[in-house]
C-alpha atoms as a PDB file:
ATOM      1  CA  MET A   1       0.063   0.255   0.159  1.00  0.00           C
ATOM      2  CA  LYS A   2       1.392   3.520  -1.014  1.00  0.00           C
ATOM      3  CA  ALA A   3       1.886   5.985   1.591  1.00  0.00           C
ATOM      4  CA  VAL A   4      -0.438   9.271   1.500  1.00  0.00           C
ATOM      5  CA  PRO A   5       1.564  12.088   0.952  1.00  0.00           C
ATOM      6  CA  ARG A   6      -0.147  15.129   3.023  1.00  0.00           C
ATOM      7  CA  ALA A   7       0.000  19.011   2.204  1.00  0.00           C
ATOM      8  CA  ALA A   8       1.650  21.261   4.946  1.00  0.00           C
ATOM      9  CA  SER A   9      -0.737  23.250   5.962  1.00  0.00           C
ATOM     10  CA  LYS A  10      -1.552  26.170   9.086  1.00  0.00           C
ATOM     11  CA  ALA A  11      -5.006  26.147  10.264  1.00  0.00           C
ATOM     12  CA  ALA A  12      -7.069  29.658  10.116  1.00  0.00           C
ATOM     13  CA  SER A  13      -7.421  31.221  13.383  1.00  0.00           C
ATOM     14  CA  THR A  14     -11.177  31.743  14.329  1.00  0.00           C
ATOM     15  CA  THR A  15     -13.194  34.146  15.901  1.00  0.00           C
ATOM     16  CA  VAL A  16     -15.510  31.336  18.288  1.00  0.00           C
ATOM     17  CA  GLY A  17     -19.325  32.907  18.806  1.00  0.00           C
ATOM     18  CA  GLY A  18     -19.548  36.355  20.034  1.00  0.00           C
ATOM     19  CA  LYS A  19     -16.497  35.888  22.077  1.00  0.00           C
ATOM     20  CA  SER A  20     -13.821  38.563  21.064  1.00  0.00           C
ATOM     21  CA  ALA A  21     -10.097  37.628  20.397  1.00  0.00           C
ATOM     22  CA  LYS A  22      -6.943  39.786  19.704  1.00  0.00           C
ATOM     23  CA  LYS A  23      -6.791  40.654  16.231  1.00  0.00           C
ATOM     24  CA  ALA A  24      -3.699  38.837  13.866  1.00  0.00           C
ATOM     25  CA  ALA A  25      -1.681  40.838  12.018  1.00  0.00           C
ATOM     26  CA  PRO A  26      -3.027  40.671   8.089  1.00  0.00           C
ATOM     27  CA  ARG A  27      -1.013  38.333   6.353  1.00  0.00           C
ATOM     28  CA  THR A  28      -0.988  37.126   2.962  1.00  0.00           C
ATOM     29  CA  ALA A  29      -1.845  33.222   2.929  1.00  0.00           C
ATOM     30  CA  LYS A  30       0.500  31.271   1.543  1.00  0.00           C
ATOM     31  CA  LYS A  31       0.227  30.034  -2.289  1.00  0.00           C
ATOM     32  CA  VAL A  32      -0.774  26.480  -1.835  1.00  0.00           C
ATOM     33  CA  THR A  33       0.574  23.835  -4.544  1.00  0.00           C
ATOM     34  CA  PRO A  34      -1.862  20.616  -5.259  1.00  0.00           C
ATOM     35  CA  ALA A  35       1.189  18.709  -5.719  1.00  0.00           C
ATOM     36  CA  ARG A  36       2.921  19.416  -2.516  1.00  0.00           C
ATOM     37  CA  THR A  37       3.102  16.971   0.129  1.00  0.00           C
ATOM     38  CA  ALA A  38       4.371  17.532   3.646  1.00  0.00           C
ATOM     39  CA  ALA A  39       7.910  16.236   4.834  1.00  0.00           C
ATOM     40  CA  LYS A  40       6.764  15.779   8.581  1.00  0.00           C
ATOM     41  CA  LYS A  41       4.755  13.401   9.678  1.00  0.00           C
ATOM     42  CA  ALA A  42       1.125  14.244  10.909  1.00  0.00           C
ATOM     43  CA  THR A  43       0.523  12.689  14.680  1.00  0.00           C
ATOM     44  CA  PRO A  44      -2.534  10.284  14.438  1.00  0.00           C
ATOM     45  CA  ALA A  45      -5.609  11.872  15.870  1.00  0.00           C
ATOM     46  CA  GLU A  46      -8.395  10.068  17.648  1.00  0.00           C
ATOM     47  CA  ALA A  47     -11.855  10.330  16.261  1.00  0.00           C
ATOM     48  CA  THR A  48     -14.253  12.370  17.848  1.00  0.00           C
ATOM     49  CA  PRO A  49     -17.851  10.511  18.489  1.00  0.00           C
ATOM     50  CA  ALA A  50     -20.729  12.139  17.133  1.00  0.00           C
ATOM     51  CA  GLU A  51     -22.401  14.553  19.471  1.00  0.00           C
ATOM     52  CA  ALA A  52     -25.988  16.018  19.530  1.00  0.00           C
ATOM     53  CA  SER A  53     -25.952  19.420  18.241  1.00  0.00           C
ATOM     54  CA  SER A  54     -28.166  21.167  20.756  1.00  0.00           C
ATOM     55  CA  GLY A  55     -27.082  19.720  24.281  1.00  0.00           C
ATOM     56  CA  ARG A  56     -27.822  22.478  26.717  1.00  0.00           C
ATOM     57  CA  THR A  57     -31.112  24.924  26.574  1.00  0.00           C
ATOM     58  CA  ALA A  58     -30.682  28.837  26.061  1.00  0.00           C
ATOM     59  CA  SER A  59     -33.153  31.805  25.652  1.00  0.00           C
ATOM     60  CA  GLY A  60     -33.411  32.914  21.890  1.00  0.00           C
ATOM     61  CA  LYS A  61     -32.058  36.202  21.396  1.00  0.00           C
ATOM     62  CA  SER A  62     -34.396  38.862  20.387  1.00  0.00           C
ATOM     63  CA  ALA A  63     -34.729  39.309  16.192  1.00  0.00           C
ATOM     64  CA  SER A  64     -34.055  43.130  16.485  1.00  0.00           C
ATOM     65  CA  LYS A  65     -31.018  42.393  18.404  1.00  0.00           C
ATOM     66  CA  LYS A  66     -27.559  42.462  16.081  1.00  0.00           C
ATOM     67  CA  ALA A  67     -26.426  38.615  15.966  1.00  0.00           C
ATOM     68  CA  VAL A  68     -22.494  37.963  15.920  1.00  0.00           C
ATOM     69  CA  PRO A  69     -22.108  35.476  13.161  1.00  0.00           C
ATOM     70  CA  VAL A  70     -18.971  33.285  13.283  1.00  0.00           C
ATOM     71  CA  LYS A  71     -16.218  34.616  11.770  1.00  0.00           C
ATOM     72  CA  ALA A  72     -12.968  33.237  10.213  1.00  0.00           C
ATOM     73  CA  ALA A  73      -9.278  35.391  10.752  1.00  0.00           C
ATOM     74  CA  SER A  74      -9.253  38.557   8.958  1.00  0.00           C
ATOM     75  CA  LYS A  75      -6.236  37.009   6.923  1.00  0.00           C
ATOM     76  CA  LYS A  76      -5.443  38.912   3.256  1.00  0.00           C
ATOM     77  CA  VAL A  77      -5.711  35.828   0.665  1.00  0.00           C
ATOM     78  CA  SER A  78      -4.780  36.389  -2.917  1.00  0.00           C
ATOM     79  CA  PRO A  79      -8.086  35.748  -4.308  1.00  0.00           C
ATOM     80  CA  GLY A  80      -6.182  32.763  -6.680  1.00  0.00           C
ATOM     81  CA  ALA A  81      -4.419  31.251  -3.920  1.00  0.00           C
ATOM     82  CA  ALA A  82      -5.906  27.691  -4.214  1.00  0.00           C
ATOM     83  CA  VAL A  83      -4.557  27.844  -8.113  1.00  0.00           C
ATOM     84  CA  SER A  84      -1.326  26.191  -9.164  1.00  0.00           C
ATOM     85  CA  LYS A  85       0.962  26.709 -12.132  1.00  0.00           C
ATOM     86  CA  LYS A  86       2.256  23.066 -11.930  1.00  0.00           C
ATOM     87  CA  THR A  87       0.373  20.154 -12.895  1.00  0.00           C
ATOM     88  CA  THR A  88      -1.150  17.858 -10.218  1.00  0.00           C
ATOM     89  CA  THR A  89      -0.593  13.732 -10.418  1.00  0.00           C
ATOM     90  CA  ALA A  90      -3.096  11.545  -9.311  1.00  0.00           C
ATOM     91  CA  ALA A  91       0.138   9.604  -7.607  1.00  0.00           C
ATOM     92  CA  SER A  92      -0.841  10.394  -4.196  1.00  0.00           C
ATOM     93  CA  VAL A  93      -4.440   9.467  -4.412  1.00  0.00           C
ATOM     94  CA  PRO A  94      -5.479   8.194  -0.563  1.00  0.00           C
ATOM     95  CA  PRO A  95      -6.330   4.044  -0.806  1.00  0.00           C
ATOM     96  CA  ARG A  96      -9.631   2.987  -0.385  1.00  0.00           C
ATOM     97  CA  ASN A  97      -9.237   0.496   2.219  1.00  0.00           C
ATOM     98  CA  GLU A  98      -7.467   3.182   4.376  1.00  0.00           C
ATOM     99  CA  SER A  99      -8.094   2.659   8.580  1.00  0.00           C
ATOM    100  CA  HIS A 100     -10.392   4.780  10.225  1.00  0.00           C
ATOM    101  CA  THR A 101      -7.623   6.449  12.188  1.00  0.00           C
ATOM    102  CA  ALA A 102      -6.462   7.453   8.463  1.00  0.00           C
ATOM    103  CA  LEU A 103      -9.324   9.017   7.430  1.00  0.00           C
ATOM    104  CA  VAL A 104     -10.031  10.580  10.372  1.00  0.00           C
ATOM    105  CA  ARG A 105      -6.434  12.034   9.884  1.00  0.00           C
ATOM    106  CA  ARG A 106      -6.920  13.139   6.192  1.00  0.00           C
ATOM    107  CA  ALA A 107     -10.053  14.528   6.999  1.00  0.00           C
ATOM    108  CA  ARG A 108      -8.437  16.950   9.173  1.00  0.00           C
ATOM    109  CA  ARG A 109      -5.526  17.220   6.965  1.00  0.00           C
ATOM    110  CA  ILE A 110      -8.002  18.365   4.450  1.00  0.00           C
ATOM    111  CA  ASN A 111     -10.008  20.790   6.573  1.00  0.00           C
ATOM    112  CA  ARG A 112      -6.839  22.383   7.536  1.00  0.00           C
ATOM    113  CA  GLU A 113      -5.481  22.882   3.850  1.00  0.00           C
ATOM    114  CA  LEU A 114      -8.910  24.327   3.003  1.00  0.00           C
ATOM    115  CA  ALA A 115      -9.120  26.586   6.141  1.00  0.00           C
ATOM    116  CA  GLU A 116      -5.643  28.126   4.764  1.00  0.00           C
ATOM    117  CA  VAL A 117      -7.376  28.441   1.333  1.00  0.00           C
ATOM    118  CA  TYR A 118     -10.586  29.935   2.948  1.00  0.00           C
ATOM    119  CA  PRO A 119      -9.434  31.937   5.854  1.00  0.00           C
ATOM    120  CA  TYR A 120     -12.128  34.661   5.211  1.00  0.00           C
ATOM    121  CA  ALA A 121     -15.006  31.026   4.719  1.00  0.00           C
ATOM    122  CA  HIS A 122     -18.723  32.636   6.004  1.00  0.00           C
ATOM    123  CA  PRO A 123     -22.240  31.908   5.711  1.00  0.00           C
ATOM    124  CA  GLU A 124     -23.252  33.605   2.321  1.00  0.00           C
ATOM    125  CA  LEU A 125     -26.682  34.845   3.482  1.00  0.00           C
ATOM    126  CA  ASP A 126     -26.864  38.640   3.809  1.00  0.00           C
ATOM    127  CA  PHE A 127     -28.218  38.866   7.517  1.00  0.00           C
ATOM    128  CA  GLU A 128     -27.891  41.392  10.771  1.00  0.00           C
ATOM    129  CA  ASN A 129     -30.014  39.226  13.577  1.00  0.00           C
ATOM    130  CA  PRO A 130     -31.306  35.715  13.665  1.00  0.00           C
ATOM    131  CA  PHE A 131     -34.498  36.512  12.364  1.00  0.00           C
ATOM    132  CA  GLN A 132     -32.794  37.897   8.854  1.00  0.00           C
ATOM    133  CA  LEU A 133     -31.275  35.009   8.797  1.00  0.00           C
ATOM    134  CA  VAL A 134     -33.985  32.171   9.812  1.00  0.00           C
ATOM    135  CA  VAL A 135     -36.065  34.232   7.336  1.00  0.00           C
ATOM    136  CA  ALA A 136     -33.308  33.729   4.282  1.00  0.00           C
ATOM    137  CA  THR A 137     -32.323  30.553   5.088  1.00  0.00           C
ATOM    138  CA  VAL A 138     -35.478  29.312   4.357  1.00  0.00           C
ATOM    139  CA  LEU A 139     -35.820  31.452   0.947  1.00  0.00           C
ATOM    140  CA  SER A 140     -32.754  29.882  -0.113  1.00  0.00           C
ATOM    141  CA  ALA A 141     -34.048  26.383  -0.765  1.00  0.00           C
ATOM    142  CA  GLN A 142     -34.452  25.654  -4.704  1.00  0.00           C
ATOM    143  CA  THR A 143     -31.940  28.899  -5.662  1.00  0.00           C
ATOM    144  CA  THR A 144     -28.715  30.479  -4.948  1.00  0.00           C
ATOM    145  CA  ASP A 145     -27.770  32.707  -2.153  1.00  0.00           C
ATOM    146  CA  LEU A 146     -27.293  35.298  -4.361  1.00  0.00           C
ATOM    147  CA  ARG A 147     -30.769  35.660  -5.245  1.00  0.00           C
ATOM    148  CA  VAL A 148     -31.856  35.572  -1.955  1.00  0.00           C
ATOM    149  CA  ASN A 149     -29.027  38.292  -1.048  1.00  0.00           C
ATOM    150  CA  GLN A 150     -30.541  40.803  -3.842  1.00  0.00           C
ATOM    151  CA  THR A 151     -33.875  40.317  -2.915  1.00  0.00           C
ATOM    152  CA  THR A 152     -33.941  40.417   1.063  1.00  0.00           C
ATOM    153  CA  PRO A 153     -33.231  43.890   1.367  1.00  0.00           C
ATOM    154  CA  ALA A 154     -37.256  44.731   0.105  1.00  0.00           C
ATOM    155  CA  LEU A 155     -38.137  42.660   2.126  1.00  0.00           C
ATOM    156  CA  PHE A 156     -36.493  43.212   5.667  1.00  0.00           C
ATOM    157  CA  ALA A 157     -37.063  46.633   4.718  1.00  0.00           C
ATOM    158  CA  LYS A 158     -41.170  46.417   4.653  1.00  0.00           C
ATOM    159  CA  TYR A 159     -41.366  43.998   7.531  1.00  0.00           C
ATOM    160  CA  PRO A 160     -38.102  44.247   9.485  1.00  0.00           C
ATOM    161  CA  THR A 161     -39.610  42.212  12.564  1.00  0.00           C
ATOM    162  CA  PRO A 162     -41.464  38.623  13.208  1.00  0.00           C
ATOM    163  CA  GLU A 163     -44.512  40.763  14.216  1.00  0.00           C
ATOM    164  CA  ASP A 164     -44.309  42.499  10.828  1.00  0.00           C
ATOM    165  CA  LEU A 165     -44.178  40.102   8.839  1.00  0.00           C
ATOM    166  CA  ALA A 166     -46.745  37.621  10.605  1.00  0.00           C
ATOM    167  CA  GLU A 167     -49.451  40.366   9.615  1.00  0.00           C
ATOM    168  CA  ALA A 168     -48.520  41.135   6.093  1.00  0.00           C
ATOM    169  CA  ASN A 169     -50.763  40.434   3.302  1.00  0.00           C
ATOM    170  CA  PRO A 170     -49.603  37.392   1.179  1.00  0.00           C
ATOM    171  CA  GLU A 171     -49.921  38.512  -1.853  1.00  0.00           C
ATOM    172  CA  GLU A 172     -47.995  41.627  -1.417  1.00  0.00           C
ATOM    173  CA  VAL A 173     -45.408  38.634   0.054  1.00  0.00           C
ATOM    174  CA  GLU A 174     -45.491  37.006  -2.761  1.00  0.00           C
ATOM    175  CA  GLU A 175     -44.565  40.058  -4.766  1.00  0.00           C
ATOM    176  CA  ILE A 176     -41.450  40.161  -3.097  1.00  0.00           C
ATOM    177  CA  LEU A 177     -40.264  36.780  -3.221  1.00  0.00           C
ATOM    178  CA  ARG A 178     -41.192  36.130  -6.662  1.00  0.00           C
ATOM    179  CA  PRO A 179     -37.280  36.048  -8.145  1.00  0.00           C
ATOM    180  CA  THR A 180     -36.380  33.121  -5.890  1.00  0.00           C
ATOM    181  CA  GLY A 181     -38.905  31.557  -7.171  1.00  0.00           C
ATOM    182  CA  PHE A 182     -41.404  29.100  -5.725  1.00  0.00           C
ATOM    183  CA  PHE A 183     -42.726  32.146  -3.847  1.00  0.00           C
ATOM    184  CA  ARG A 184     -46.335  30.766  -2.930  1.00  0.00           C
ATOM    185  CA  ALA A 185     -44.925  28.022  -1.394  1.00  0.00           C
ATOM    186  CA  LYS A 186     -41.771  30.286   0.568  1.00  0.00           C
ATOM    187  CA  THR A 187     -44.354  32.984   1.247  1.00  0.00           C
ATOM    188  CA  LYS A 188     -46.644  30.267   3.147  1.00  0.00           C
ATOM    189  CA  SER A 189     -43.532  29.302   5.391  1.00  0.00           C
ATOM    190  CA  VAL A 190     -41.960  32.831   6.394  1.00  0.00           C
ATOM    191  CA  ILE A 191     -45.095  34.346   7.032  1.00  0.00           C
ATOM    192  CA  GLY A 192     -46.292  30.937   9.194  1.00  0.00           C
ATOM    193  CA  LEU A 193     -42.577  30.946  10.948  1.00  0.00           C
ATOM    194  CA  SER A 194     -43.234  34.782  11.920  1.00  0.00           C
ATOM    195  CA  ARG A 195     -46.249  34.019  13.269  1.00  0.00           C
ATOM    196  CA  ALA A 196     -44.927  30.814  15.595  1.00  0.00           C
ATOM    197  CA  LEU A 197     -42.010  33.236  16.575  1.00  0.00           C
ATOM    198  CA  ARG A 198     -44.538  36.247  17.846  1.00  0.00           C
ATOM    199  CA  ASP A 199     -47.096  33.772  18.855  1.00  0.00           C
ATOM    200  CA  ASP A 200     -44.803  30.645  20.812  1.00  0.00           C
ATOM    201  CA  PHE A 201     -41.418  32.520  21.445  1.00  0.00           C
ATOM    202  CA  GLY A 202     -42.323  36.096  21.856  1.00  0.00           C
ATOM    203  CA  GLY A 203     -40.859  37.202  18.798  1.00  0.00           C
ATOM    204  CA  GLU A 204     -37.560  35.639  19.019  1.00  0.00           C
ATOM    205  CA  VAL A 205     -35.934  33.317  17.329  1.00  0.00           C
ATOM    206  CA  PRO A 206     -35.083  30.234  19.814  1.00  0.00           C
ATOM    207  CA  GLY A 207     -31.882  28.618  20.271  1.00  0.00           C
ATOM    208  CA  ARG A 208     -32.198  25.514  20.410  1.00  0.00           C
ATOM    209  CA  LEU A 209     -32.698  22.828  17.736  1.00  0.00           C
ATOM    210  CA  GLU A 210     -35.691  21.170  19.018  1.00  0.00           C
ATOM    211  CA  ASP A 211     -37.447  24.464  19.096  1.00  0.00           C
ATOM    212  CA  LEU A 212     -36.602  25.807  15.795  1.00  0.00           C
ATOM    213  CA  VAL A 213     -37.326  22.247  13.687  1.00  0.00           C
ATOM    214  CA  LYS A 214     -40.944  23.214  15.059  1.00  0.00           C
ATOM    215  CA  LEU A 215     -41.415  26.138  12.386  1.00  0.00           C
ATOM    216  CA  PRO A 216     -42.462  25.980   9.470  1.00  0.00           C
ATOM    217  CA  GLY A 217     -40.112  25.459   6.876  1.00  0.00           C
ATOM    218  CA  VAL A 218     -37.351  24.843   8.712  1.00  0.00           C
ATOM    219  CA  GLY A 219     -35.739  21.531   9.144  1.00  0.00           C
ATOM    220  CA  ARG A 220     -31.958  20.700  10.381  1.00  0.00           C
ATOM    221  CA  LYS A 221     -29.935  21.969   8.078  1.00  0.00           C
ATOM    222  CA  THR A 222     -31.698  25.851   8.193  1.00  0.00           C
ATOM    223  CA  ALA A 223     -31.742  24.972  12.233  1.00  0.00           C
ATOM    224  CA  PHE A 224     -28.079  24.412  11.820  1.00  0.00           C
ATOM    225  CA  VAL A 225     -27.173  27.830   9.779  1.00  0.00           C
ATOM    226  CA  VAL A 226     -28.913  29.725  12.475  1.00  0.00           C
ATOM    227  CA  LEU A 227     -27.266  27.903  15.144  1.00  0.00           C
ATOM    228  CA  GLY A 228     -23.932  27.915  13.859  1.00  0.00           C
ATOM    229  CA  ASN A 229     -23.911  31.838  12.304  1.00  0.00           C
ATOM    230  CA  ALA A 230     -26.495  33.495  15.012  1.00  0.00           C
ATOM    231  CA  PHE A 231     -25.714  31.678  18.431  1.00  0.00           C
ATOM    232  CA  GLY A 232     -22.279  30.772  17.961  1.00  0.00           C
ATOM    233  CA  ARG A 233     -23.330  26.853  18.680  1.00  0.00           C
ATOM    234  CA  PRO A 234     -21.926  23.824  16.333  1.00  0.00           C
ATOM    235  CA  GLY A 235     -23.631  22.335  13.990  1.00  0.00           C
ATOM    236  CA  ILE A 236     -23.102  20.750  10.757  1.00  0.00           C
ATOM    237  CA  THR A 237     -25.198  22.009   7.480  1.00  0.00           C
ATOM    238  CA  VAL A 238     -25.298  19.246   5.219  1.00  0.00           C
ATOM    239  CA  ASP A 239     -26.660  20.980   2.206  1.00  0.00           C
ATOM    240  CA  THR A 240     -25.923  19.662  -1.805  1.00  0.00           C
ATOM    241  CA  HIS A 241     -22.414  20.829  -1.877  1.00  0.00           C
ATOM    242  CA  PHE A 242     -21.526  19.281   1.448  1.00  0.00           C
ATOM    243  CA  GLN A 243     -22.923  15.684   0.467  1.00  0.00           C
ATOM    244  CA  ARG A 244     -20.899  15.923  -2.726  1.00  0.00           C
ATOM    245  CA  LEU A 245     -17.660  16.397  -1.428  1.00  0.00           C
ATOM    246  CA  VAL A 246     -17.754  14.618   1.611  1.00  0.00           C
ATOM    247  CA  ARG A 247     -18.454  11.543  -1.085  1.00  0.00           C
ATOM    248  CA  ARG A 248     -16.058  11.912  -3.358  1.00  0.00           C
ATOM    249  CA  TRP A 249     -13.362  12.210  -0.604  1.00  0.00           C
ATOM    250  CA  GLN A 250     -14.633   9.229   0.718  1.00  0.00           C
ATOM    251  CA  TRP A 251     -15.849  10.466   4.311  1.00  0.00           C
ATOM    252  CA  THR A 252     -18.427   8.699   3.985  1.00  0.00           C
ATOM    253  CA  ALA A 253     -20.812   6.664   1.576  1.00  0.00           C
ATOM    254  CA  GLU A 254     -24.031   7.257   2.713  1.00  0.00           C
ATOM    255  CA  THR A 255     -26.507   9.435   0.995  1.00  0.00           C
ATOM    256  CA  ASP A 256     -29.070  10.386   3.619  1.00  0.00           C
ATOM    257  CA  PRO A 257     -28.105  13.753   4.987  1.00  0.00           C
ATOM    258  CA  ASP A 258     -28.897  12.508   8.739  1.00  0.00           C
ATOM    259  CA  LYS A 259     -26.643  10.054   8.459  1.00  0.00           C
ATOM    260  CA  ILE A 260     -23.890  12.023   6.756  1.00  0.00           C
ATOM    261  CA  GLU A 261     -24.202  14.625   9.702  1.00  0.00           C
ATOM    262  CA  THR A 262     -23.518  11.981  12.014  1.00  0.00           C
ATOM    263  CA  ALA A 263     -20.987  10.226  10.142  1.00  0.00           C
ATOM    264  CA  VAL A 264     -18.464  13.289   9.073  1.00  0.00           C
ATOM    265  CA  GLY A 265     -19.498  14.359  13.097  1.00  0.00           C
ATOM    266  CA  GLY A 266     -18.155  11.513  14.467  1.00  0.00           C
ATOM    267  CA  LEU A 267     -14.707  12.799  12.812  1.00  0.00           C
ATOM    268  CA  PHE A 268     -14.237  16.113  14.324  1.00  0.00           C
ATOM    269  CA  PRO A 269     -14.248  17.782  17.448  1.00  0.00           C
ATOM    270  CA  LYS A 270     -17.608  19.578  18.357  1.00  0.00           C
ATOM    271  CA  ASN A 271     -16.118  22.615  18.033  1.00  0.00           C
ATOM    272  CA  GLU A 272     -14.806  22.680  14.885  1.00  0.00           C
ATOM    273  CA  TRP A 273     -18.534  21.811  13.141  1.00  0.00           C
ATOM    274  CA  THR A 274     -19.864  24.853  11.949  1.00  0.00           C
ATOM    275  CA  MET A 275     -16.766  26.326  10.053  1.00  0.00           C
ATOM    276  CA  LEU A 276     -16.195  23.219   8.421  1.00  0.00           C
ATOM    277  CA  SER A 277     -19.329  23.211   7.032  1.00  0.00           C
ATOM    278  CA  HIS A 278     -18.258  27.072   5.694  1.00  0.00           C
ATOM    279  CA  HIS A 279     -14.827  25.615   4.452  1.00  0.00           C
ATOM    280  CA  VAL A 280     -16.634  22.519   2.518  1.00  0.00           C
ATOM    281  CA  ILE A 281     -19.312  24.778   0.923  1.00  0.00           C
ATOM    282  CA  PHE A 282     -17.244  27.178  -0.251  1.00  0.00           C
ATOM    283  CA  HIS A 283     -14.903  24.518  -1.988  1.00  0.00           C
ATOM    284  CA  GLY A 284     -17.657  23.331  -3.424  1.00  0.00           C
ATOM    285  CA  ARG A 285     -18.855  26.677  -5.039  1.00  0.00           C
ATOM    286  CA  ARG A 286     -15.091  27.584  -6.159  1.00  0.00           C
ATOM    287  CA  ILE A 287     -13.442  24.631  -6.996  1.00  0.00           C
ATOM    288  CA  CYS A 288     -14.838  21.190  -6.523  1.00  0.00           C
ATOM    289  CA  HIS A 289     -18.359  21.434  -9.202  1.00  0.00           C
ATOM    290  CA  ALA A 290     -20.724  19.095  -9.869  1.00  0.00           C
ATOM    291  CA  ARG A 291     -20.495  18.852 -13.098  1.00  0.00           C
ATOM    292  CA  LYS A 292     -16.710  19.655 -14.014  1.00  0.00           C
ATOM    293  CA  PRO A 293     -14.746  20.244 -10.985  1.00  0.00           C
ATOM    294  CA  ALA A 294     -11.515  21.949 -11.019  1.00  0.00           C
ATOM    295  CA  CYS A 295      -8.862  19.328  -9.919  1.00  0.00           C
ATOM    296  CA  GLY A 296      -5.890  21.149 -11.504  1.00  0.00           C
ATOM    297  CA  ALA A 297      -6.301  23.993  -9.318  1.00  0.00           C
ATOM    298  CA  CYS A 298      -7.196  22.351  -6.110  1.00  0.00           C
ATOM    299  CA  PRO A 299      -5.276  22.676  -3.231  1.00  0.00           C
ATOM    300  CA  ILE A 300      -6.261  19.173  -1.835  1.00  0.00           C
ATOM    301  CA  ALA A 301      -5.523  17.226  -4.712  1.00  0.00           C
ATOM    302  CA  PRO A 302      -2.923  15.108  -3.195  1.00  0.00           C
ATOM    303  CA  LEU A 303      -5.377  13.824  -0.372  1.00  0.00           C
ATOM    304  CA  CYS A 304      -8.574  13.319  -2.738  1.00  0.00           C
ATOM    305  CA  PRO A 305      -9.505   9.917  -4.119  1.00  0.00           C
ATOM    306  CA  ALA A 306     -11.738  11.507  -6.808  1.00  0.00           C
ATOM    307  CA  TYR A 307      -8.731  13.064  -8.428  1.00  0.00           C
ATOM    308  CA  GLY A 308      -9.166  13.083 -12.080  1.00  0.00           C
ATOM    309  CA  GLU A 309     -13.128  13.395 -12.002  1.00  0.00           C
ATOM    310  CA  GLY A 310     -12.643  16.620 -13.847  1.00  0.00           C
ATOM    311  CA  GLU A 311     -10.142  19.421 -15.394  1.00  0.00           C
ATOM    312  CA  THR A 312      -6.685  18.121 -14.559  1.00  0.00           C
ATOM    313  CA  ASP A 313      -4.794  20.739 -16.884  1.00  0.00           C
ATOM    314  CA  PRO A 314      -3.741  23.776 -14.651  1.00  0.00           C
ATOM    315  CA  GLU A 315      -4.358  26.458 -17.202  1.00  0.00           C
ATOM    316  CA  LYS A 316      -7.906  24.857 -18.149  1.00  0.00           C
ATOM    317  CA  ALA A 317      -8.723  24.183 -14.149  1.00  0.00           C
ATOM    318  CA  GLU A 318      -7.644  27.927 -13.362  1.00  0.00           C
ATOM    319  CA  LYS A 319     -10.756  28.908 -16.014  1.00  0.00           C
ATOM    320  CA  LEU A 320     -13.308  26.769 -14.049  1.00  0.00           C
ATOM    321  CA  LEU A 321     -13.087  28.847 -10.764  1.00  0.00           C
ATOM    322  CA  LYS A 322     -15.543  31.100  -9.249  1.00  0.00           C
ATOM    323  CA  TYR A 323     -16.363  33.291  -7.656  1.00  0.00           C
ATOM    324  CA  GLU A 324     -13.160  35.519  -5.868  1.00  0.00           C
ATOM    325  CA  LYS A 325     -10.855  32.455  -6.758  1.00  0.00           C
ATOM    326  CA  GLY A 326     -11.812  33.458 -10.333  1.00  0.00           C
ATOM    327  CA  GLY A 327     -12.041  36.839 -10.004  1.00  0.00           C
ATOM    328  CA  PHE A 328     -15.310  37.650  -9.709  1.00  0.00           C
ATOM    329  CA  PRO A 329     -18.042  38.686  -7.684  1.00  0.00           C
ATOM    330  CA  GLY A 330     -19.191  37.147  -4.969  1.00  0.00           C
ATOM    331  CA  GLN A 331     -22.934  36.030  -3.346  1.00  0.00           C
ATOM    332  CA  ARG A 332     -23.125  38.843  -0.658  1.00  0.00           C
ATOM    333  CA  LEU A 333     -24.209  42.200  -1.349  1.00  0.00           C
ATOM    334  CA  ASN A 334     -22.747  43.159   2.165  1.00  0.00           C
ATOM    335  CA  PRO A 335     -19.740  40.935   2.799  1.00  0.00           C
ATOM    336  CA  PRO A 336     -17.368  40.190   5.621  1.00  0.00           C
ATOM    337  CA  GLN A 337     -14.582  42.372   5.685  1.00  0.00           C
ATOM    338  CA  ALA A 338     -12.165  39.703   5.988  1.00  0.00           C
ATOM    339  CA  TYR A 339     -13.290  38.654   2.863  1.00  0.00           C
ATOM    340  CA  LEU A 340     -12.919  42.403   0.983  1.00  0.00           C
ATOM    341  CA  ASP A 341      -9.587  42.550   2.128  1.00  0.00           C
ATOM    342  CA  ALA A 342      -8.650  38.912   0.374  1.00  0.00           C
ATOM    343  CA  GLY A 343      -9.743  40.389  -2.868  1.00  0.00           C
ATOM    344  CA  GLY A 344     -13.473  39.721  -2.882  1.00  0.00           C
ATOM    345  CA  ARG A 345     -15.916  41.552  -4.407  1.00  0.00           C
ATOM    346  CA  PRO A 346     -19.661  42.151  -3.684  1.00  0.00           C
ATOM    347  CA  ALA A 347     -22.591  41.049  -5.529  1.00  0.00           C
ATOM    348  CA  PRO A 348     -24.774  43.624  -7.255  1.00  0.00           C
ATOM    349  CA  PRO A 349     -27.992  44.227  -6.129  1.00  0.00           C
ATOM    350  CA  LEU A 350     -31.388  43.385  -8.008  1.00  0.00           C
ATOM    351  CA  GLY A 351     -31.365  44.244 -11.330  1.00  0.00           C
ATOM    352  CA  ALA A 352     -27.980  45.669 -11.606  1.00  0.00           C
ATOM    353  CA  GLY A 353     -26.308  42.810 -13.716  1.00  0.00           C
END
């Protein structure tokens, strides 16, 4: 069995929850070369059993209060940091029969590599408080975060609180939400969840998983987005990008979102779950695409069993990169400063192109 080369990297520092941390001096993340390997051996890491994501009760925060999203370190990163001019080889593809311990080590190394490539990873929905985030996440079904971000400013300008949206005329809300698709069903959900917040939670978004999933239109994925990014409570967001990548990386063969959540959660410490989700989703949207992944520009190619499924020529692969990695605008109209510092550009408002 061939040994598995590993790429050397440093995990990006993060600011956990709403607690403040000392600001690190901005520095440029080193350019990641897909084919490079580490000379030092990594210390074997033990797998952490999957844990329930809502183990304690906490009162929900008021929708009017500004939520503090989980942030990544504000490092300056070259937009094309993931692109390598060298051709990546498939010689370092991990063995399919690797042990569980080896899988844990490889999975955690991939997350550390992605943390270095995307130190500015963040939720790609614009929001200022838990209410805006839960509504925006419900609206993101079957559409892009960009289209949601272009639509919600008008919605929240007219209906800034759960009480306001609970009393809204459905036909007026439908007109606002029309660009997101399935606007009638989404109108029913956001008005319904607003009424539930008003009637059952005092106008506040609850901070517990079991309460969030009772809201109309809110499932586990939406609940974990809210818990992780509005309340700083760990959760794994199993969206289509996350599902695709963890199967490509052979972290799990499961296809059911709940089973994927359990399997992947067991590979990482609980306090890494939220940022892990951001790293994986960022990578899936920018490099590891569904139809044609940019394998030749991928910084974790030496750790990927699926290397070669996409374009392996570095120059051709570079043309497949999206958002800040390809020099294009992102999905948020109001992205975090760390994203802008890394060369990211805000998305245009609705109707601006």
